N, C-alpha and C. Protein backbone atom coordinates (compact mmCIF):
# COMPACT_ATOMS: atom_id res chain seq x y z
N MET A 1 -36.14 -1.66 -29.80
CA MET A 1 -34.00 -2.22 -29.42
C MET A 1 -34.24 -3.41 -30.10
N ASP A 2 -33.16 -3.42 -30.19
CA ASP A 2 -32.24 -4.58 -30.38
C ASP A 2 -31.47 -5.17 -30.39
N VAL A 3 -31.47 -5.91 -29.40
CA VAL A 3 -29.88 -6.56 -28.35
C VAL A 3 -28.72 -6.66 -28.78
N ASN A 4 -28.86 -7.20 -30.30
CA ASN A 4 -28.02 -7.11 -31.12
C ASN A 4 -26.47 -6.38 -31.02
N SER A 5 -27.58 -4.55 -30.91
CA SER A 5 -26.69 -3.22 -31.26
C SER A 5 -26.20 -2.83 -29.79
N PHE A 6 -26.73 -2.97 -28.55
CA PHE A 6 -25.40 -3.34 -27.89
C PHE A 6 -24.30 -3.69 -27.77
N LYS A 7 -24.23 -4.95 -28.67
CA LYS A 7 -22.55 -5.51 -28.65
C LYS A 7 -21.88 -5.39 -29.87
N ASP A 8 -22.13 -4.20 -30.78
CA ASP A 8 -21.85 -3.50 -31.40
C ASP A 8 -21.38 -2.49 -30.80
N SER A 9 -21.79 -1.63 -29.16
CA SER A 9 -21.59 -0.19 -29.12
C SER A 9 -19.86 0.14 -29.08
N GLN A 10 -19.43 1.34 -28.64
CA GLN A 10 -18.26 1.66 -28.83
C GLN A 10 -17.12 1.04 -27.49
N ILE A 11 -17.75 0.79 -25.83
CA ILE A 11 -16.95 0.65 -25.47
C ILE A 11 -16.89 -0.42 -25.70
N THR A 12 -15.10 -0.86 -25.01
CA THR A 12 -14.47 -2.17 -24.67
C THR A 12 -13.98 -2.06 -23.34
N PHE A 13 -14.53 -3.31 -22.60
CA PHE A 13 -13.84 -3.71 -21.37
C PHE A 13 -12.38 -3.75 -20.66
N THR A 14 -11.98 -3.03 -20.18
CA THR A 14 -10.31 -2.91 -19.74
C THR A 14 -10.40 -4.18 -18.93
N PRO A 15 -9.51 -4.13 -18.36
CA PRO A 15 -9.44 -5.24 -17.04
C PRO A 15 -9.10 -4.38 -15.92
N GLN A 16 -8.38 -3.11 -16.35
CA GLN A 16 -9.01 -1.08 -15.16
C GLN A 16 -9.56 -0.67 -15.01
N LEU A 17 -10.99 -1.37 -16.54
CA LEU A 17 -12.45 -0.60 -15.99
C LEU A 17 -13.41 -1.84 -14.92
N LEU A 18 -12.44 -2.40 -15.42
CA LEU A 18 -13.75 -3.42 -13.70
C LEU A 18 -12.58 -3.66 -12.82
N LYS A 19 -12.24 -3.04 -12.62
CA LYS A 19 -11.06 -3.79 -11.00
C LYS A 19 -12.44 -2.70 -10.19
N MET A 20 -12.57 -3.08 -9.11
CA MET A 20 -13.62 -2.30 -8.11
C MET A 20 -12.37 -2.11 -6.89
N GLY A 21 -12.49 -0.95 -6.22
CA GLY A 21 -12.49 -0.65 -4.85
C GLY A 21 -10.73 -0.27 -4.84
N ASP A 22 -10.27 -0.17 -6.59
CA ASP A 22 -9.05 0.98 -6.03
C ASP A 22 -9.26 2.42 -6.05
N LYS A 23 -10.19 3.15 -4.89
CA LYS A 23 -10.47 4.31 -5.32
C LYS A 23 -9.58 4.88 -4.24
N LYS A 24 -9.10 6.18 -5.13
CA LYS A 24 -8.21 7.26 -3.62
C LYS A 24 -8.77 7.73 -2.78
N LYS A 25 -8.49 7.66 -1.83
CA LYS A 25 -8.47 7.93 -0.16
C LYS A 25 -8.35 9.70 -0.38
N LYS A 26 -9.61 10.15 0.72
CA LYS A 26 -9.90 11.49 0.48
C LYS A 26 -8.61 12.29 1.61
N ALA A 27 -8.46 13.50 1.51
CA ALA A 27 -7.83 13.84 1.95
C ALA A 27 -7.35 14.69 4.03
N GLN A 28 -9.04 14.50 3.31
CA GLN A 28 -8.62 14.22 4.93
C GLN A 28 -10.17 12.83 5.51
N MET A 29 -10.15 13.75 7.17
CA MET A 29 -11.40 12.30 7.92
C MET A 29 -11.94 13.27 8.55
N PHE A 30 -12.49 12.04 8.90
CA PHE A 30 -13.38 12.88 10.51
C PHE A 30 -12.79 12.25 11.31
N VAL A 31 -12.80 13.26 12.15
CA VAL A 31 -12.20 12.23 14.54
C VAL A 31 -12.94 12.75 14.96
N LYS A 32 -13.76 11.83 16.17
CA LYS A 32 -14.76 12.39 16.89
C LYS A 32 -12.97 13.42 17.85
N LEU A 33 -13.22 14.08 18.92
CA LEU A 33 -12.75 15.04 20.00
C LEU A 33 -13.66 14.40 21.35
N VAL A 34 -13.55 13.64 22.49
CA VAL A 34 -14.07 13.38 23.37
C VAL A 34 -14.04 13.98 25.04
N SER A 35 -14.88 14.19 25.02
CA SER A 35 -14.19 15.40 26.63
C SER A 35 -13.59 15.02 27.29
N ALA A 36 -12.60 15.62 27.80
CA ALA A 36 -11.70 14.88 29.01
C ALA A 36 -12.75 14.61 30.91
N ALA A 37 -13.81 15.70 30.63
CA ALA A 37 -14.04 15.65 31.92
C ALA A 37 -15.54 14.66 32.29
N GLY A 38 -15.35 13.10 31.39
CA GLY A 38 -15.86 12.41 31.73
C GLY A 38 -17.76 12.52 31.35
N THR A 39 -17.98 13.48 30.20
CA THR A 39 -19.12 13.21 30.59
C THR A 39 -19.76 13.24 28.68
N GLY A 40 -18.84 12.25 28.46
CA GLY A 40 -20.25 11.48 26.89
C GLY A 40 -19.86 12.70 26.21
N PHE A 41 -19.89 13.41 25.38
CA PHE A 41 -19.94 14.78 25.40
C PHE A 41 -18.89 15.38 24.44
N PHE A 42 -18.98 15.36 23.08
CA PHE A 42 -18.03 15.11 21.89
C PHE A 42 -18.35 16.05 21.08
N TYR A 43 -17.01 16.33 20.78
CA TYR A 43 -17.03 16.78 18.90
C TYR A 43 -16.64 15.99 18.07
N VAL A 44 -17.46 16.26 16.55
CA VAL A 44 -16.88 15.66 15.07
C VAL A 44 -15.96 17.14 13.71
N LYS A 45 -14.83 16.71 14.29
CA LYS A 45 -13.53 18.09 13.32
C LYS A 45 -13.10 16.75 12.15
N ARG A 46 -12.78 17.62 11.12
CA ARG A 46 -11.80 17.23 10.08
C ARG A 46 -10.22 17.36 10.34
N LYS A 47 -9.62 16.16 9.53
CA LYS A 47 -7.92 15.96 9.70
C LYS A 47 -7.60 15.13 9.18
N PRO A 48 -6.46 16.51 8.26
CA PRO A 48 -5.96 16.08 7.35
C PRO A 48 -5.02 14.34 7.14
N ARG A 49 -4.57 13.08 6.91
CA ARG A 49 -4.52 12.63 6.52
C ARG A 49 -2.86 12.37 6.68
N GLN A 50 -2.23 13.40 6.57
CA GLN A 50 -0.94 13.65 7.31
C GLN A 50 -0.08 14.01 8.18
N PHE A 51 -1.55 14.27 9.21
CA PHE A 51 -1.31 15.38 10.31
C PHE A 51 -1.65 14.05 11.15
N THR A 52 0.00 13.21 11.52
CA THR A 52 -0.13 11.87 12.19
C THR A 52 -0.40 12.07 14.31
N GLU A 53 0.31 13.84 14.60
CA GLU A 53 -0.56 13.71 15.85
C GLU A 53 -1.93 14.27 16.57
N LYS A 54 -2.55 13.71 18.40
CA LYS A 54 -3.32 13.27 17.45
C LYS A 54 -3.78 14.80 18.62
N LEU A 55 -4.91 15.45 17.71
CA LEU A 55 -5.73 16.04 18.42
C LEU A 55 -6.14 16.87 19.16
N GLU A 56 -5.90 17.48 20.23
CA GLU A 56 -5.64 18.18 21.41
C GLU A 56 -6.89 19.74 21.44
N PHE A 57 -7.79 19.54 21.78
CA PHE A 57 -8.18 21.60 21.93
C PHE A 57 -9.08 21.76 22.97
N ARG A 58 -9.12 23.18 23.38
CA ARG A 58 -9.34 22.95 24.75
C ARG A 58 -12.02 23.89 24.20
N LYS A 59 -12.09 22.99 24.00
CA LYS A 59 -13.06 23.43 24.15
C LYS A 59 -15.01 23.72 24.52
N PHE A 60 -15.53 24.17 25.18
CA PHE A 60 -16.92 24.37 25.86
C PHE A 60 -17.62 22.56 26.11
N ASP A 61 -18.53 21.94 26.76
CA ASP A 61 -18.68 21.38 27.87
C ASP A 61 -19.85 21.36 28.09
N PRO A 62 -21.29 21.75 27.72
CA PRO A 62 -22.59 22.09 27.78
C PRO A 62 -23.35 21.17 28.87
N ARG A 63 -22.61 20.17 29.30
CA ARG A 63 -22.75 19.11 30.11
C ARG A 63 -22.17 19.63 31.99
N VAL A 64 -20.89 20.07 31.24
CA VAL A 64 -19.81 21.16 33.17
C VAL A 64 -19.98 22.04 33.10
N ASN A 65 -20.66 22.62 32.30
CA ASN A 65 -20.64 24.42 31.38
C ASN A 65 -19.41 24.40 31.37
N ARG A 66 -18.87 24.25 31.42
CA ARG A 66 -17.25 25.35 31.62
C ARG A 66 -16.52 24.15 30.03
N HIS A 67 -15.09 24.57 30.10
CA HIS A 67 -14.12 25.36 28.55
C HIS A 67 -13.01 23.73 29.98
N VAL A 68 -13.14 22.72 28.54
CA VAL A 68 -12.50 21.45 28.96
C VAL A 68 -11.51 21.08 27.89
N LEU A 69 -10.95 19.58 28.38
CA LEU A 69 -10.35 19.88 27.17
C LEU A 69 -10.77 18.20 26.09
N PHE A 70 -10.74 18.17 24.70
CA PHE A 70 -11.20 17.72 24.72
C PHE A 70 -9.82 17.31 23.74
N THR A 71 -9.85 15.87 23.17
CA THR A 71 -8.40 14.74 22.67
C THR A 71 -9.16 13.59 22.37
N GLU A 72 -8.93 13.08 20.75
CA GLU A 72 -8.72 13.15 19.23
C GLU A 72 -9.17 10.97 19.78
N ALA A 73 -10.57 10.95 20.10
CA ALA A 73 -10.62 8.98 19.57
C ALA A 73 -11.31 8.64 18.55
N LYS A 74 -11.13 7.43 18.36
CA LYS A 74 -11.68 7.20 17.38
C LYS A 74 -13.24 6.88 16.86
N MET A 75 -13.38 7.30 15.59
CA MET A 75 -15.43 6.81 15.81
C MET A 75 -15.73 5.56 14.65
N LYS A 76 -16.67 4.89 15.28
CA LYS A 76 -17.10 3.65 15.44
C LYS A 76 -18.22 4.18 14.85
């Protein structure tokens, strides 16, 4: 294989092709739902990016063995 054959290839590099990091963000993101009982138990759910309010669900917490309120928190 000759090195000069790569110079004659059909690919032309434009500034748009060389630009990195301009990727489209996903339509949904993951959020962490933390138990209001203070046990540290959490669920992870998907949330649309257009949905601006914080999520709140009443779900089962196995550490206190009952349904409690789960609120959205930052994922680290």
